[in-house]
């Protein structure tokens, strides 16, 4: 399989994001806040919008934007702001389905997007995603330093897996898009 310019650009983007997260972690490794993840999402959204400006019908980009907005919504505790993100996500998923109607992943993402606001309400009713990623309720802030370190490590593990899964999806989508057409 040959790398194309878009694959190289994607790898550079994720490497830059990884470095930014590493710098943020070095500044405060005990901070279990998801602000670095929010930064990653905002940066990803802006890069994906730039990619759409080049090719507005690129279904992989539309799907990735839908995922980025969904992730941003789950990190937003305010219901009204999260709803805006969920609505944007559903719009992008619908555009991806319109561009590639046979793609089951896009259709499933659109179906799940309809259920996401209810899941968001449940998550934030029980202390929010940041609290759950950090390992508990507000009383966990009284924990000792080692517990905070463990919670922070868990947060970065989760973020790492999210980035990894995103890379795998991007790689699979790129490899499918790079398959040459069959000769007539």
N, C-alpha and C. Protein backbone atom coordinates (compact mmCIF):
# COMPACT_ATOMS: atom_id res chain seq x y z
N UNK A 1 0.84 -1.18 0.00
CA UNK A 1 0.00 0.00 0.00
C UNK A 1 0.88 1.24 0.00
N UNK A 2 0.54 2.18 -0.84
CA UNK A 2 1.32 3.39 -0.98
C UNK A 2 0.68 4.52 -0.19
N UNK A 3 1.53 5.33 0.43
CA UNK A 3 1.02 6.48 1.16
C UNK A 3 0.73 7.61 0.18
N UNK A 4 -0.38 8.28 0.39
CA UNK A 4 -0.71 9.46 -0.40
C UNK A 4 -0.48 10.68 0.46
N UNK A 5 -0.56 11.85 -0.15
CA UNK A 5 -0.33 13.09 0.58
C UNK A 5 -1.33 13.24 1.73
N UNK A 6 -2.58 12.85 1.50
CA UNK A 6 -3.58 12.98 2.56
C UNK A 6 -3.25 12.09 3.76
N UNK A 7 -2.71 10.89 3.50
CA UNK A 7 -2.30 10.00 4.59
C UNK A 7 -1.17 10.63 5.39
N UNK A 8 -0.21 11.20 4.67
CA UNK A 8 0.92 11.85 5.33
C UNK A 8 0.45 13.04 6.17
N UNK A 9 -0.46 13.84 5.61
CA UNK A 9 -1.00 14.99 6.34
C UNK A 9 -1.73 14.55 7.60
N UNK A 10 -2.47 13.45 7.49
CA UNK A 10 -3.20 12.92 8.63
C UNK A 10 -2.24 12.50 9.74
N UNK A 11 -1.18 11.80 9.36
CA UNK A 11 -0.19 11.37 10.34
C UNK A 11 0.49 12.55 11.01
N UNK A 12 0.82 13.58 10.22
CA UNK A 12 1.42 14.79 10.80
C UNK A 12 0.47 15.46 11.80
N UNK A 13 -0.81 15.51 11.44
CA UNK A 13 -1.80 16.11 12.33
C UNK A 13 -1.86 15.37 13.66
N UNK A 14 -1.94 14.05 13.61
CA UNK A 14 -2.04 13.28 14.84
C UNK A 14 -0.75 13.34 15.65
N UNK A 15 0.38 13.41 14.98
CA UNK A 15 1.65 13.53 15.70
C UNK A 15 1.73 14.89 16.41
N UNK A 16 1.30 15.95 15.72
CA UNK A 16 1.29 17.27 16.34
C UNK A 16 0.35 17.28 17.55
N UNK A 17 -0.78 16.65 17.44
CA UNK A 17 -1.74 16.58 18.54
C UNK A 17 -1.16 15.79 19.71
N UNK A 18 -0.46 14.69 19.40
CA UNK A 18 0.17 13.90 20.44
C UNK A 18 1.21 14.72 21.19
N UNK A 19 1.99 15.49 20.45
CA UNK A 19 3.02 16.33 21.08
C UNK A 19 2.38 17.40 21.97
N UNK A 20 1.29 17.99 21.51
CA UNK A 20 0.59 19.00 22.31
C UNK A 20 0.07 18.39 23.61
N UNK A 21 -0.51 17.20 23.51
CA UNK A 21 -1.00 16.53 24.72
C UNK A 21 0.16 16.19 25.65
N UNK A 22 1.30 15.81 25.10
CA UNK A 22 2.47 15.49 25.90
C UNK A 22 2.97 16.73 26.65
N UNK A 23 2.99 17.88 25.98
CA UNK A 23 3.41 19.13 26.62
C UNK A 23 2.44 19.50 27.74
N UNK A 24 1.14 19.37 27.47
CA UNK A 24 0.14 19.68 28.50
C UNK A 24 0.28 18.76 29.70
N UNK A 25 0.58 17.49 29.44
CA UNK A 25 0.78 16.54 30.53
C UNK A 25 2.02 16.90 31.34
N UNK A 26 3.08 17.32 30.64
CA UNK A 26 4.32 17.69 31.34
C UNK A 26 4.10 18.91 32.24
N UNK A 27 3.23 19.82 31.83
CA UNK A 27 2.94 21.01 32.63
C UNK A 27 2.25 20.64 33.93
N UNK A 28 1.28 19.71 33.87
CA UNK A 28 0.53 19.34 35.05
C UNK A 28 0.05 17.90 34.93
N UNK A 29 0.91 16.93 35.29
CA UNK A 29 0.53 15.53 35.10
C UNK A 29 -0.57 15.04 36.03
N UNK A 30 -0.87 15.79 37.09
CA UNK A 30 -1.91 15.36 38.04
C UNK A 30 -3.27 15.94 37.73
N UNK A 31 -3.39 16.71 36.67
CA UNK A 31 -4.65 17.34 36.33
C UNK A 31 -5.50 16.37 35.51
N UNK A 32 -6.55 15.81 36.11
CA UNK A 32 -7.39 14.87 35.37
C UNK A 32 -8.44 15.55 34.51
N UNK A 33 -8.37 16.87 34.43
CA UNK A 33 -9.34 17.62 33.65
C UNK A 33 -9.25 17.22 32.19
N UNK A 34 -10.34 17.28 31.48
CA UNK A 34 -10.36 16.89 30.08
C UNK A 34 -10.10 18.08 29.16
N UNK A 35 -9.50 19.16 29.69
CA UNK A 35 -9.27 20.33 28.86
C UNK A 35 -8.33 20.04 27.71
N UNK A 36 -7.34 19.17 27.91
CA UNK A 36 -6.44 18.84 26.80
C UNK A 36 -7.20 18.08 25.71
N UNK A 37 -8.18 17.29 26.10
CA UNK A 37 -9.00 16.59 25.12
C UNK A 37 -9.89 17.58 24.37
N UNK A 38 -10.41 18.57 25.08
CA UNK A 38 -11.20 19.62 24.42
C UNK A 38 -10.34 20.36 23.41
N UNK A 39 -9.10 20.67 23.78
CA UNK A 39 -8.19 21.34 22.86
C UNK A 39 -7.97 20.48 21.62
N UNK A 40 -7.75 19.19 21.84
CA UNK A 40 -7.57 18.27 20.73
C UNK A 40 -8.78 18.28 19.80
N UNK A 41 -9.97 18.23 20.37
CA UNK A 41 -11.18 18.20 19.56
C UNK A 41 -11.37 19.48 18.76
N UNK A 42 -11.14 20.63 19.40
CA UNK A 42 -11.29 21.89 18.69
C UNK A 42 -10.28 21.99 17.55
N UNK A 43 -9.06 21.54 17.80
CA UNK A 43 -8.03 21.54 16.76
C UNK A 43 -8.42 20.58 15.64
N UNK A 44 -8.90 19.41 16.00
CA UNK A 44 -9.32 18.43 15.00
C UNK A 44 -10.47 18.97 14.15
N UNK A 45 -11.44 19.60 14.79
CA UNK A 45 -12.59 20.15 14.06
C UNK A 45 -12.12 21.21 13.07
N UNK A 46 -11.22 22.09 13.51
CA UNK A 46 -10.76 23.14 12.59
C UNK A 46 -10.00 22.54 11.41
N UNK A 47 -9.19 21.52 11.64
CA UNK A 47 -8.46 20.87 10.54
C UNK A 47 -9.41 20.14 9.59
N UNK A 48 -10.42 19.50 10.15
CA UNK A 48 -11.39 18.79 9.31
C UNK A 48 -12.23 19.77 8.48
N UNK A 49 -12.56 20.92 9.05
CA UNK A 49 -13.29 21.93 8.29
C UNK A 49 -12.42 22.46 7.15
N UNK A 50 -11.13 22.63 7.42
CA UNK A 50 -10.21 23.04 6.35
C UNK A 50 -10.20 21.99 5.23
N UNK A 51 -10.19 20.72 5.60
CA UNK A 51 -10.20 19.65 4.61
C UNK A 51 -11.51 19.68 3.80
N UNK A 52 -12.61 19.99 4.45
CA UNK A 52 -13.89 20.08 3.73
C UNK A 52 -13.91 21.25 2.77
N UNK A 53 -13.19 22.31 3.10
CA UNK A 53 -13.12 23.44 2.17
C UNK A 53 -12.45 23.01 0.86
N UNK A 54 -11.53 22.06 0.95
CA UNK A 54 -10.86 21.56 -0.25
C UNK A 54 -11.74 20.59 -1.03
N UNK A 55 -12.47 19.75 -0.29
CA UNK A 55 -13.35 18.76 -0.93
C UNK A 55 -14.58 18.57 -0.06
N UNK A 56 -15.64 19.33 -0.31
CA UNK A 56 -16.84 19.29 0.55
C UNK A 56 -17.61 17.97 0.48
N UNK A 57 -17.30 17.10 -0.45
CA UNK A 57 -18.04 15.85 -0.59
C UNK A 57 -17.26 14.65 -0.09
N UNK A 58 -16.18 14.87 0.62
CA UNK A 58 -15.34 13.78 1.13
C UNK A 58 -16.04 13.14 2.32
N UNK A 59 -16.66 11.99 2.11
CA UNK A 59 -17.49 11.37 3.14
C UNK A 59 -16.70 10.97 4.38
N UNK A 60 -15.43 10.58 4.23
CA UNK A 60 -14.63 10.22 5.40
C UNK A 60 -14.45 11.42 6.33
N UNK A 61 -14.22 12.58 5.72
CA UNK A 61 -14.04 13.80 6.50
C UNK A 61 -15.34 14.20 7.18
N UNK A 62 -16.45 14.07 6.47
CA UNK A 62 -17.74 14.38 7.06
C UNK A 62 -18.02 13.49 8.27
N UNK A 63 -17.70 12.20 8.13
CA UNK A 63 -17.91 11.26 9.24
C UNK A 63 -17.01 11.60 10.42
N UNK A 64 -15.76 11.92 10.16
CA UNK A 64 -14.83 12.29 11.24
C UNK A 64 -15.30 13.55 11.96
N UNK A 65 -15.83 14.51 11.20
CA UNK A 65 -16.36 15.72 11.83
C UNK A 65 -17.55 15.39 12.72
N UNK A 66 -18.39 14.50 12.28
CA UNK A 66 -19.51 14.07 13.11
C UNK A 66 -19.02 13.46 14.42
N UNK A 67 -17.99 12.63 14.34
CA UNK A 67 -17.43 12.03 15.55
C UNK A 67 -16.80 13.07 16.46
N UNK A 68 -16.11 14.03 15.89
CA UNK A 68 -15.48 15.08 16.70
C UNK A 68 -16.54 15.90 17.44
N UNK A 69 -17.62 16.24 16.74
CA UNK A 69 -18.69 17.01 17.40
C UNK A 69 -19.40 16.18 18.47
N UNK A 70 -19.55 14.89 18.23
CA UNK A 70 -20.15 14.02 19.24
C UNK A 70 -19.28 13.97 20.49
N UNK A 71 -17.98 13.81 20.30
CA UNK A 71 -17.05 13.78 21.44
C UNK A 71 -17.08 15.10 22.19
N UNK A 72 -17.10 16.20 21.45
CA UNK A 72 -17.16 17.52 22.09
C UNK A 72 -18.44 17.66 22.90
N UNK A 73 -19.54 17.16 22.39
CA UNK A 73 -20.82 17.24 23.10
C UNK A 73 -20.75 16.49 24.42
N UNK A 74 -20.15 15.30 24.42
CA UNK A 74 -20.07 14.53 25.65
C UNK A 74 -19.17 15.19 26.69
N UNK A 75 -18.24 16.01 26.26
CA UNK A 75 -17.37 16.71 27.21
C UNK A 75 -17.98 18.01 27.70
N UNK A 76 -19.12 18.39 27.13
CA UNK A 76 -19.78 19.64 27.49
C UNK A 76 -20.88 19.34 28.50
N UNK A 77 -20.76 19.85 29.73
CA UNK A 77 -21.77 19.53 30.75
C UNK A 77 -23.12 20.23 30.53
N UNK A 78 -23.13 21.39 29.88
CA UNK A 78 -24.39 22.13 29.68
C UNK A 78 -25.20 21.47 28.57
N UNK A 79 -26.45 21.14 28.89
CA UNK A 79 -27.33 20.43 27.95
C UNK A 79 -27.53 21.20 26.65
N UNK A 80 -27.79 22.51 26.74
CA UNK A 80 -28.08 23.28 25.53
C UNK A 80 -26.87 23.37 24.61
N UNK A 81 -25.68 23.55 25.18
CA UNK A 81 -24.46 23.60 24.35
C UNK A 81 -24.16 22.23 23.76
N UNK A 82 -24.39 21.18 24.54
CA UNK A 82 -24.15 19.83 24.04
C UNK A 82 -25.12 19.51 22.90
N UNK A 83 -26.37 19.97 23.02
CA UNK A 83 -27.36 19.72 21.98
C UNK A 83 -26.92 20.33 20.65
N UNK A 84 -26.32 21.51 20.70
CA UNK A 84 -25.82 22.13 19.47
C UNK A 84 -24.76 21.24 18.83
N UNK A 85 -23.87 20.70 19.64
CA UNK A 85 -22.82 19.81 19.12
C UNK A 85 -23.42 18.51 18.57
N UNK A 86 -24.40 17.95 19.28
CA UNK A 86 -25.05 16.73 18.80
C UNK A 86 -25.77 16.98 17.47
N UNK A 87 -26.41 18.15 17.36
CA UNK A 87 -27.10 18.48 16.11
C UNK A 87 -26.11 18.61 14.95
N UNK A 88 -24.97 19.26 15.21
CA UNK A 88 -23.94 19.37 14.17
C UNK A 88 -23.44 17.98 13.78
N UNK A 89 -23.23 17.13 14.78
CA UNK A 89 -22.76 15.77 14.51
C UNK A 89 -23.75 15.02 13.62
N UNK A 90 -25.02 15.11 13.97
CA UNK A 90 -26.05 14.42 13.17
C UNK A 90 -26.07 14.96 11.74
N UNK A 91 -25.90 16.27 11.58
CA UNK A 91 -25.86 16.85 10.24
C UNK A 91 -24.70 16.29 9.42
N UNK A 92 -23.53 16.21 10.05
CA UNK A 92 -22.36 15.69 9.34
C UNK A 92 -22.51 14.20 9.04
N UNK A 93 -23.07 13.44 9.97
CA UNK A 93 -23.31 12.03 9.71
C UNK A 93 -24.29 11.86 8.55
N UNK A 94 -25.32 12.71 8.51
CA UNK A 94 -26.30 12.63 7.41
C UNK A 94 -25.63 12.95 6.08
N UNK A 95 -24.76 13.95 6.06
CA UNK A 95 -24.04 14.29 4.83
C UNK A 95 -23.14 13.14 4.39
N UNK A 96 -22.50 12.46 5.35
CA UNK A 96 -21.65 11.31 5.02
C UNK A 96 -22.49 10.19 4.44
N UNK A 97 -23.66 9.93 5.02
CA UNK A 97 -24.56 8.90 4.49
C UNK A 97 -25.03 9.29 3.09
N UNK A 98 -25.32 10.57 2.88
CA UNK A 98 -25.76 11.02 1.55
C UNK A 98 -24.67 10.80 0.50
N UNK A 99 -23.42 11.00 0.89
CA UNK A 99 -22.31 10.84 -0.05
C UNK A 99 -21.97 9.37 -0.30
N UNK A 100 -22.15 8.53 0.71
CA UNK A 100 -21.84 7.10 0.59
C UNK A 100 -22.97 6.29 1.24
N UNK A 101 -24.10 6.17 0.54
CA UNK A 101 -25.30 5.56 1.14
C UNK A 101 -25.12 4.10 1.54
N UNK A 102 -24.21 3.38 0.95
CA UNK A 102 -24.04 1.97 1.27
C UNK A 102 -23.15 1.72 2.47
N UNK A 103 -22.59 2.75 3.06
CA UNK A 103 -21.66 2.58 4.18
C UNK A 103 -22.44 2.36 5.47
N UNK A 104 -22.34 1.15 6.00
CA UNK A 104 -23.10 0.81 7.21
C UNK A 104 -22.59 1.56 8.44
N UNK A 105 -21.30 1.84 8.47
CA UNK A 105 -20.73 2.57 9.61
C UNK A 105 -21.33 3.97 9.70
N UNK A 106 -21.47 4.63 8.57
CA UNK A 106 -22.05 5.97 8.57
C UNK A 106 -23.51 5.93 9.01
N UNK A 107 -24.25 4.95 8.52
CA UNK A 107 -25.66 4.82 8.89
C UNK A 107 -25.79 4.54 10.39
N UNK A 108 -24.94 3.65 10.90
CA UNK A 108 -24.97 3.32 12.34
C UNK A 108 -24.62 4.56 13.17
N UNK A 109 -23.65 5.34 12.72
CA UNK A 109 -23.28 6.58 13.43
C UNK A 109 -24.45 7.54 13.47
N UNK A 110 -25.18 7.64 12.36
CA UNK A 110 -26.35 8.52 12.32
C UNK A 110 -27.43 8.02 13.28
N UNK A 111 -27.64 6.72 13.33
CA UNK A 111 -28.63 6.16 14.24
C UNK A 111 -28.25 6.40 15.71
N UNK A 112 -26.98 6.21 16.02
CA UNK A 112 -26.51 6.40 17.40
C UNK A 112 -26.57 7.88 17.79
N UNK A 113 -26.35 8.77 16.82
CA UNK A 113 -26.39 10.20 17.10
C UNK A 113 -27.76 10.63 17.62
N UNK A 114 -28.81 9.95 17.19
CA UNK A 114 -30.15 10.28 17.66
C UNK A 114 -30.33 9.92 19.14
N UNK A 115 -29.59 8.91 19.60
CA UNK A 115 -29.71 8.47 20.99
C UNK A 115 -28.69 9.14 21.92
N UNK A 116 -27.72 9.82 21.35
CA UNK A 116 -26.62 10.40 22.13
C UNK A 116 -27.06 11.43 23.17
N UNK A 117 -28.01 12.33 22.89
CA UNK A 117 -28.39 13.30 23.92
C UNK A 117 -28.92 12.67 25.20
N UNK A 118 -29.66 11.57 25.07
CA UNK A 118 -30.16 10.89 26.28
C UNK A 118 -29.01 10.29 27.08
N UNK A 119 -28.06 9.70 26.39
CA UNK A 119 -26.88 9.15 27.06
C UNK A 119 -26.09 10.27 27.74
N UNK A 120 -26.01 11.41 27.08
CA UNK A 120 -25.33 12.57 27.66
C UNK A 120 -25.99 12.99 28.97
N UNK A 121 -27.33 13.04 28.97
CA UNK A 121 -28.05 13.40 30.20
C UNK A 121 -27.73 12.43 31.32
N UNK A 122 -27.71 11.15 31.01
CA UNK A 122 -27.41 10.14 32.03
C UNK A 122 -25.99 10.29 32.57
N UNK A 123 -25.04 10.48 31.68
CA UNK A 123 -23.64 10.61 32.11
C UNK A 123 -23.47 11.81 33.02
N UNK A 124 -24.02 12.94 32.63
CA UNK A 124 -23.82 14.16 33.41
C UNK A 124 -24.70 14.21 34.66
N UNK A 125 -25.75 13.40 34.68
CA UNK A 125 -26.56 13.29 35.90
C UNK A 125 -25.75 12.58 37.00
N UNK A 126 -24.84 11.72 36.59
CA UNK A 126 -24.04 10.95 37.53
C UNK A 126 -22.63 11.52 37.71
N UNK A 127 -22.48 12.81 37.50
CA UNK A 127 -21.19 13.43 37.79
C UNK A 127 -20.39 13.83 36.59
N UNK A 128 -20.80 13.54 35.39
CA UNK A 128 -20.11 13.99 34.19
C UNK A 128 -18.99 13.08 33.75
N UNK A 129 -18.61 13.26 32.51
CA UNK A 129 -17.57 12.43 31.91
C UNK A 129 -16.21 12.69 32.54
N UNK A 130 -15.90 13.94 32.82
CA UNK A 130 -14.61 14.25 33.44
C UNK A 130 -14.48 13.59 34.80
N UNK A 131 -15.54 13.59 35.60
CA UNK A 131 -15.52 12.95 36.90
C UNK A 131 -15.37 11.44 36.75
N UNK A 132 -16.10 10.85 35.78
CA UNK A 132 -16.02 9.41 35.60
C UNK A 132 -14.66 9.00 35.08
N UNK A 133 -14.08 9.79 34.18
CA UNK A 133 -12.75 9.48 33.68
C UNK A 133 -11.71 9.63 34.78
N UNK A 134 -11.95 10.57 35.68
CA UNK A 134 -11.01 10.80 36.77
C UNK A 134 -11.18 9.77 37.88
N UNK A 135 -12.23 9.00 37.83
CA UNK A 135 -12.36 7.90 38.76
C UNK A 135 -13.30 8.11 39.91
N UNK A 136 -14.33 8.92 39.78
CA UNK A 136 -15.27 8.98 40.88
C UNK A 136 -15.99 10.29 41.02
N UNK A 137 -16.49 10.53 42.21
CA UNK A 137 -17.30 11.70 42.48
C UNK A 137 -16.44 12.84 42.98
N UNK A 138 -17.10 13.90 43.41
CA UNK A 138 -16.38 15.08 43.89
C UNK A 138 -15.55 14.78 45.12
N UNK A 139 -15.90 13.75 45.87
CA UNK A 139 -15.12 13.42 47.06
C UNK A 139 -13.75 12.88 46.71
N UNK A 140 -13.54 12.50 45.44
CA UNK A 140 -12.23 11.99 45.06
C UNK A 140 -11.18 13.08 45.07
N UNK A 141 -11.59 14.35 45.11
CA UNK A 141 -10.60 15.43 45.15
C UNK A 141 -9.83 15.42 46.46
N UNK A 142 -10.31 14.74 47.48
CA UNK A 142 -9.61 14.65 48.76
C UNK A 142 -8.63 13.50 48.81
N UNK A 143 -8.48 12.79 47.69
CA UNK A 143 -7.60 11.62 47.66
C UNK A 143 -6.15 12.04 47.76
N UNK A 144 -5.29 11.08 48.10
CA UNK A 144 -3.87 11.34 48.21
C UNK A 144 -3.27 11.52 46.82
N UNK A 145 -2.01 11.98 46.78
CA UNK A 145 -1.32 12.24 45.53
C UNK A 145 -1.22 11.03 44.63
N UNK A 146 -0.96 9.85 45.20
CA UNK A 146 -0.82 8.66 44.37
C UNK A 146 -2.14 8.30 43.70
N UNK A 147 -3.24 8.52 44.40
CA UNK A 147 -4.55 8.24 43.81
C UNK A 147 -4.81 9.21 42.65
N UNK A 148 -4.44 10.49 42.84
CA UNK A 148 -4.60 11.46 41.77
C UNK A 148 -3.75 11.07 40.56
N UNK A 149 -2.54 10.62 40.81
CA UNK A 149 -1.66 10.19 39.74
C UNK A 149 -2.29 9.03 38.98
N UNK A 150 -2.85 8.07 39.70
CA UNK A 150 -3.49 6.92 39.07
C UNK A 150 -4.69 7.36 38.24
N UNK A 151 -5.49 8.28 38.79
CA UNK A 151 -6.66 8.79 38.07
C UNK A 151 -6.22 9.52 36.80
N UNK A 152 -5.16 10.31 36.91
CA UNK A 152 -4.66 11.03 35.75
C UNK A 152 -4.16 10.05 34.69
N UNK A 153 -3.47 9.00 35.14
CA UNK A 153 -3.00 7.99 34.20
C UNK A 153 -4.17 7.33 33.50
N UNK A 154 -5.24 7.06 34.21
CA UNK A 154 -6.43 6.46 33.61
C UNK A 154 -7.01 7.38 32.55
N UNK A 155 -7.06 8.68 32.85
CA UNK A 155 -7.57 9.66 31.89
C UNK A 155 -6.75 9.62 30.62
N UNK A 156 -5.44 9.65 30.76
CA UNK A 156 -4.60 9.65 29.57
C UNK A 156 -4.66 8.31 28.85
N UNK A 157 -4.87 7.23 29.55
CA UNK A 157 -5.06 5.94 28.89
C UNK A 157 -6.31 5.96 28.03
N UNK A 158 -7.39 6.50 28.59
CA UNK A 158 -8.64 6.59 27.83
C UNK A 158 -8.45 7.47 26.61
N UNK A 159 -7.83 8.62 26.80
CA UNK A 159 -7.59 9.53 25.67
C UNK A 159 -6.72 8.84 24.62
N UNK A 160 -5.72 8.12 25.07
CA UNK A 160 -4.85 7.40 24.15
C UNK A 160 -5.61 6.39 23.31
N UNK A 161 -6.51 5.64 23.95
CA UNK A 161 -7.29 4.66 23.21
C UNK A 161 -8.25 5.33 22.23
N UNK A 162 -8.82 6.47 22.63
CA UNK A 162 -9.71 7.20 21.72
C UNK A 162 -8.93 7.64 20.49
N UNK A 163 -7.74 8.19 20.69
CA UNK A 163 -6.91 8.62 19.57
C UNK A 163 -6.53 7.42 18.71
N UNK A 164 -6.16 6.32 19.35
CA UNK A 164 -5.78 5.12 18.61
C UNK A 164 -6.93 4.62 17.73
N UNK A 165 -8.12 4.53 18.29
CA UNK A 165 -9.28 4.06 17.52
C UNK A 165 -9.55 5.02 16.36
N UNK A 166 -9.43 6.32 16.62
CA UNK A 166 -9.60 7.30 15.55
C UNK A 166 -8.59 7.10 14.43
N UNK A 167 -7.34 6.82 14.80
CA UNK A 167 -6.31 6.57 13.79
C UNK A 167 -6.62 5.31 12.98
N UNK A 168 -7.08 4.27 13.65
CA UNK A 168 -7.42 3.04 12.95
C UNK A 168 -8.55 3.29 11.96
N UNK A 169 -9.59 4.00 12.39
CA UNK A 169 -10.69 4.30 11.48
C UNK A 169 -10.21 5.14 10.30
N UNK A 170 -9.37 6.15 10.58
CA UNK A 170 -8.85 6.99 9.50
C UNK A 170 -8.01 6.18 8.54
N UNK A 171 -7.20 5.27 9.07
CA UNK A 171 -6.35 4.44 8.22
C UNK A 171 -7.19 3.51 7.34
N UNK A 172 -8.21 2.89 7.94
CA UNK A 172 -9.08 2.00 7.17
C UNK A 172 -9.82 2.78 6.09
N UNK A 173 -10.32 3.94 6.45
CA UNK A 173 -11.04 4.76 5.47
C UNK A 173 -10.11 5.19 4.35
N UNK A 174 -8.87 5.57 4.70
CA UNK A 174 -7.91 5.98 3.68
C UNK A 174 -7.53 4.81 2.78
N UNK A 175 -7.37 3.64 3.37
CA UNK A 175 -6.99 2.49 2.55
C UNK A 175 -8.13 2.09 1.61
N UNK A 176 -9.37 2.24 2.06
CA UNK A 176 -10.50 1.94 1.18
C UNK A 176 -10.59 2.96 0.05
N UNK A 177 -10.30 4.21 0.37
CA UNK A 177 -10.37 5.27 -0.63
C UNK A 177 -9.22 5.17 -1.62
N UNK A 178 -8.10 4.56 -1.22
CA UNK A 178 -6.92 4.49 -2.07
C UNK A 178 -6.95 3.30 -3.02
N UNK A 179 -7.94 2.44 -2.95
CA UNK A 179 -8.03 1.29 -3.83
C UNK A 179 -8.31 1.80 -5.24
N UNK A 180 -7.44 1.43 -6.21
CA UNK A 180 -7.65 1.92 -7.58
C UNK A 180 -8.89 1.28 -8.21
N UNK A 181 -9.53 2.01 -9.09
CA UNK A 181 -10.72 1.45 -9.75
C UNK A 181 -10.33 0.27 -10.65
N UNK A 182 -11.23 -0.65 -10.79
CA UNK A 182 -10.96 -1.82 -11.64
C UNK A 182 -10.99 -1.39 -13.10
N UNK A 183 -10.08 -1.93 -13.93
CA UNK A 183 -10.07 -1.55 -15.34
C UNK A 183 -11.31 -2.10 -16.05
N UNK A 184 -11.73 -1.37 -17.06
CA UNK A 184 -12.93 -1.77 -17.82
C UNK A 184 -12.61 -2.81 -18.84
